[in-house]
N, C-alpha and C. Protein backbone atom coordinates (compact mmCIF):
# COMPACT_ATOMS: atom_id res chain seq x y z
N MET A 1 -65.21 -40.26 32.71
CA MET A 1 -65.13 -40.89 31.42
C MET A 1 -65.66 -39.89 30.38
N ARG A 2 -65.02 -39.90 29.26
CA ARG A 2 -65.35 -38.97 28.19
C ARG A 2 -66.55 -39.48 27.38
N PRO A 3 -67.53 -38.64 27.13
CA PRO A 3 -68.68 -39.09 26.33
C PRO A 3 -68.30 -39.26 24.87
N ASP A 4 -69.05 -40.04 24.16
CA ASP A 4 -68.78 -40.20 22.73
C ASP A 4 -69.07 -38.89 22.03
N VAL A 5 -68.09 -38.40 21.35
CA VAL A 5 -68.27 -37.15 20.59
C VAL A 5 -68.05 -37.47 19.13
N ARG A 6 -69.07 -37.29 18.38
CA ARG A 6 -69.00 -37.58 16.94
C ARG A 6 -69.19 -36.29 16.17
N PRO A 7 -68.42 -36.13 15.10
CA PRO A 7 -68.57 -34.91 14.31
C PRO A 7 -69.94 -34.86 13.61
N ARG A 8 -70.42 -33.64 13.50
CA ARG A 8 -71.69 -33.51 12.77
C ARG A 8 -71.50 -33.79 11.30
N ALA A 9 -72.56 -34.14 10.65
CA ALA A 9 -72.47 -34.48 9.22
C ALA A 9 -72.13 -33.23 8.38
N ASP A 10 -72.54 -32.06 8.82
CA ASP A 10 -72.26 -30.84 8.05
C ASP A 10 -70.98 -30.13 8.51
N ALA A 11 -70.25 -30.70 9.44
CA ALA A 11 -69.00 -30.10 9.89
C ALA A 11 -67.90 -30.31 8.85
N PRO A 12 -67.09 -29.29 8.63
CA PRO A 12 -66.00 -29.45 7.64
C PRO A 12 -64.97 -30.47 8.13
N VAL A 13 -64.43 -31.22 7.21
CA VAL A 13 -63.44 -32.21 7.55
C VAL A 13 -62.08 -31.52 7.60
N ARG A 14 -61.39 -31.65 8.69
CA ARG A 14 -60.07 -31.03 8.81
C ARG A 14 -59.00 -32.00 8.39
N SER A 15 -58.08 -31.47 7.67
CA SER A 15 -56.96 -32.32 7.20
C SER A 15 -56.05 -32.65 8.37
N ARG A 16 -55.44 -33.81 8.31
CA ARG A 16 -54.49 -34.21 9.35
C ARG A 16 -53.11 -33.64 9.06
N TRP A 17 -52.92 -33.01 7.93
CA TRP A 17 -51.64 -32.44 7.57
C TRP A 17 -51.56 -31.02 8.10
N HIS A 18 -50.38 -30.62 8.52
CA HIS A 18 -50.20 -29.25 8.96
C HIS A 18 -49.60 -28.44 7.83
N ARG A 19 -49.70 -27.15 7.93
CA ARG A 19 -49.14 -26.28 6.89
C ARG A 19 -47.63 -26.28 6.96
N THR A 20 -46.98 -26.13 5.86
CA THR A 20 -45.53 -26.09 5.79
C THR A 20 -45.04 -24.75 6.34
N ASP A 21 -44.07 -24.82 7.23
CA ASP A 21 -43.42 -23.62 7.73
C ASP A 21 -42.25 -23.34 6.77
N TRP A 22 -42.49 -22.48 5.82
CA TRP A 22 -41.52 -22.24 4.78
C TRP A 22 -40.24 -21.58 5.27
N MET A 23 -40.38 -20.70 6.27
CA MET A 23 -39.21 -20.02 6.82
C MET A 23 -38.27 -21.05 7.44
N ALA A 24 -38.80 -21.96 8.22
CA ALA A 24 -37.97 -23.00 8.87
C ALA A 24 -37.38 -23.94 7.84
N LEU A 25 -38.17 -24.34 6.88
CA LEU A 25 -37.71 -25.27 5.85
C LEU A 25 -36.55 -24.67 5.04
N LEU A 26 -36.76 -23.44 4.55
CA LEU A 26 -35.72 -22.81 3.73
C LEU A 26 -34.48 -22.42 4.53
N SER A 27 -34.69 -22.03 5.76
CA SER A 27 -33.53 -21.71 6.61
C SER A 27 -32.70 -22.94 6.88
N GLY A 28 -33.35 -24.05 7.15
CA GLY A 28 -32.64 -25.30 7.37
C GLY A 28 -31.86 -25.73 6.12
N ALA A 29 -32.48 -25.60 4.97
CA ALA A 29 -31.80 -25.93 3.70
C ALA A 29 -30.61 -25.00 3.47
N LEU A 30 -30.78 -23.74 3.83
CA LEU A 30 -29.68 -22.76 3.66
C LEU A 30 -28.49 -23.14 4.55
N PHE A 31 -28.76 -23.45 5.82
CA PHE A 31 -27.64 -23.77 6.71
C PHE A 31 -26.99 -25.10 6.38
N ILE A 32 -27.73 -26.04 5.86
CA ILE A 32 -27.12 -27.28 5.39
C ILE A 32 -26.21 -26.98 4.19
N THR A 33 -26.67 -26.17 3.26
CA THR A 33 -25.88 -25.78 2.09
C THR A 33 -24.64 -25.03 2.50
N VAL A 34 -24.77 -24.11 3.44
CA VAL A 34 -23.59 -23.34 3.90
C VAL A 34 -22.61 -24.29 4.60
N GLY A 35 -23.10 -25.25 5.36
CA GLY A 35 -22.21 -26.22 6.00
C GLY A 35 -21.45 -27.06 5.02
N VAL A 36 -22.16 -27.51 3.96
CA VAL A 36 -21.49 -28.30 2.92
C VAL A 36 -20.45 -27.43 2.19
N LEU A 37 -20.80 -26.19 1.89
CA LEU A 37 -19.81 -25.31 1.24
C LEU A 37 -18.61 -25.03 2.12
N PHE A 38 -18.84 -24.92 3.43
CA PHE A 38 -17.75 -24.65 4.34
C PHE A 38 -16.78 -25.84 4.40
N ILE A 39 -17.34 -27.05 4.30
CA ILE A 39 -16.50 -28.26 4.31
C ILE A 39 -15.84 -28.48 2.95
N ALA A 40 -16.60 -28.26 1.88
CA ALA A 40 -16.07 -28.55 0.53
C ALA A 40 -15.12 -27.49 0.03
N ALA A 41 -15.32 -26.25 0.40
CA ALA A 41 -14.47 -25.13 -0.07
C ALA A 41 -14.10 -24.27 1.13
N PRO A 42 -13.13 -24.74 1.93
CA PRO A 42 -12.77 -23.98 3.12
C PRO A 42 -12.10 -22.64 2.84
N ASP A 43 -11.69 -22.41 1.60
CA ASP A 43 -11.06 -21.12 1.27
C ASP A 43 -12.06 -19.98 1.17
N LEU A 44 -13.38 -20.29 1.14
CA LEU A 44 -14.40 -19.25 1.18
C LEU A 44 -14.39 -18.64 2.59
N GLY A 45 -14.13 -17.39 2.65
CA GLY A 45 -14.01 -16.76 3.96
C GLY A 45 -15.32 -16.12 4.43
N PRO A 46 -15.26 -15.48 5.56
CA PRO A 46 -16.47 -14.82 6.09
C PRO A 46 -16.99 -13.73 5.18
N ALA A 47 -16.11 -13.14 4.37
CA ALA A 47 -16.53 -12.06 3.45
C ALA A 47 -17.50 -12.61 2.40
N VAL A 48 -17.44 -13.89 2.12
CA VAL A 48 -18.34 -14.52 1.15
C VAL A 48 -19.52 -15.17 1.86
N MET A 49 -19.25 -15.86 2.96
CA MET A 49 -20.27 -16.66 3.63
C MET A 49 -21.32 -15.79 4.33
N PHE A 50 -20.90 -14.71 4.98
CA PHE A 50 -21.86 -13.85 5.71
C PHE A 50 -22.92 -13.25 4.81
N PRO A 51 -22.54 -12.63 3.68
CA PRO A 51 -23.58 -12.12 2.78
C PRO A 51 -24.44 -13.24 2.20
N LEU A 52 -23.87 -14.41 1.99
CA LEU A 52 -24.65 -15.55 1.49
C LEU A 52 -25.73 -15.94 2.49
N VAL A 53 -25.34 -16.02 3.73
CA VAL A 53 -26.31 -16.40 4.79
C VAL A 53 -27.36 -15.31 4.95
N VAL A 54 -26.96 -14.07 5.03
CA VAL A 54 -27.94 -12.98 5.23
C VAL A 54 -28.88 -12.88 4.01
N GLY A 55 -28.34 -12.98 2.82
CA GLY A 55 -29.17 -12.93 1.64
C GLY A 55 -30.12 -14.12 1.55
N GLY A 56 -29.63 -15.29 1.92
CA GLY A 56 -30.48 -16.48 1.92
C GLY A 56 -31.61 -16.38 2.93
N LEU A 57 -31.31 -15.86 4.14
CA LEU A 57 -32.35 -15.69 5.13
C LEU A 57 -33.37 -14.64 4.69
N ALA A 58 -32.91 -13.60 4.02
CA ALA A 58 -33.81 -12.57 3.50
C ALA A 58 -34.75 -13.18 2.46
N CYS A 59 -34.19 -13.99 1.57
CA CYS A 59 -35.05 -14.64 0.55
C CYS A 59 -36.04 -15.60 1.20
N ALA A 60 -35.59 -16.35 2.19
CA ALA A 60 -36.50 -17.28 2.87
C ALA A 60 -37.62 -16.52 3.58
N GLY A 61 -37.30 -15.40 4.22
CA GLY A 61 -38.31 -14.59 4.83
C GLY A 61 -39.29 -14.01 3.85
N PHE A 62 -38.79 -13.56 2.71
CA PHE A 62 -39.65 -12.99 1.68
C PHE A 62 -40.62 -14.06 1.13
N ILE A 63 -40.10 -15.25 0.91
CA ILE A 63 -40.96 -16.34 0.41
C ILE A 63 -42.01 -16.72 1.46
N ALA A 64 -41.62 -16.74 2.74
CA ALA A 64 -42.56 -17.06 3.80
C ALA A 64 -43.67 -16.02 3.90
N VAL A 65 -43.30 -14.72 3.71
CA VAL A 65 -44.34 -13.69 3.74
C VAL A 65 -45.28 -13.82 2.56
N LEU A 66 -44.71 -14.12 1.38
CA LEU A 66 -45.56 -14.26 0.19
C LEU A 66 -46.54 -15.45 0.36
N VAL A 67 -46.04 -16.56 0.88
CA VAL A 67 -46.91 -17.72 1.05
C VAL A 67 -48.01 -17.42 2.05
N ARG A 68 -47.68 -16.70 3.12
CA ARG A 68 -48.70 -16.37 4.13
C ARG A 68 -49.75 -15.43 3.53
N ALA A 69 -49.31 -14.48 2.68
CA ALA A 69 -50.26 -13.56 2.05
C ALA A 69 -51.15 -14.30 1.06
N ILE A 70 -50.63 -15.28 0.36
CA ILE A 70 -51.42 -16.04 -0.60
C ILE A 70 -52.44 -16.93 0.11
N ARG A 71 -52.07 -17.48 1.26
CA ARG A 71 -52.98 -18.37 1.99
C ARG A 71 -54.17 -17.65 2.58
N ARG A 72 -54.04 -16.37 2.87
CA ARG A 72 -55.16 -15.62 3.49
C ARG A 72 -56.15 -15.17 2.49
């Protein structure tokens, strides 16, 4: 049986919220946007979509690095 464990009065209170994973969030939004564009405008070929995806992932990665640097 587990003993009663109570936090000390001077222990910091930890939030129940987790940090946002900006890379995952922005990448998901990018792929949803690309999917909607692919359905709405099928005449956009790979010559347009590939740079859009690569550029969007690069921007998402850059934002994720900036957020991580600011948090530290």
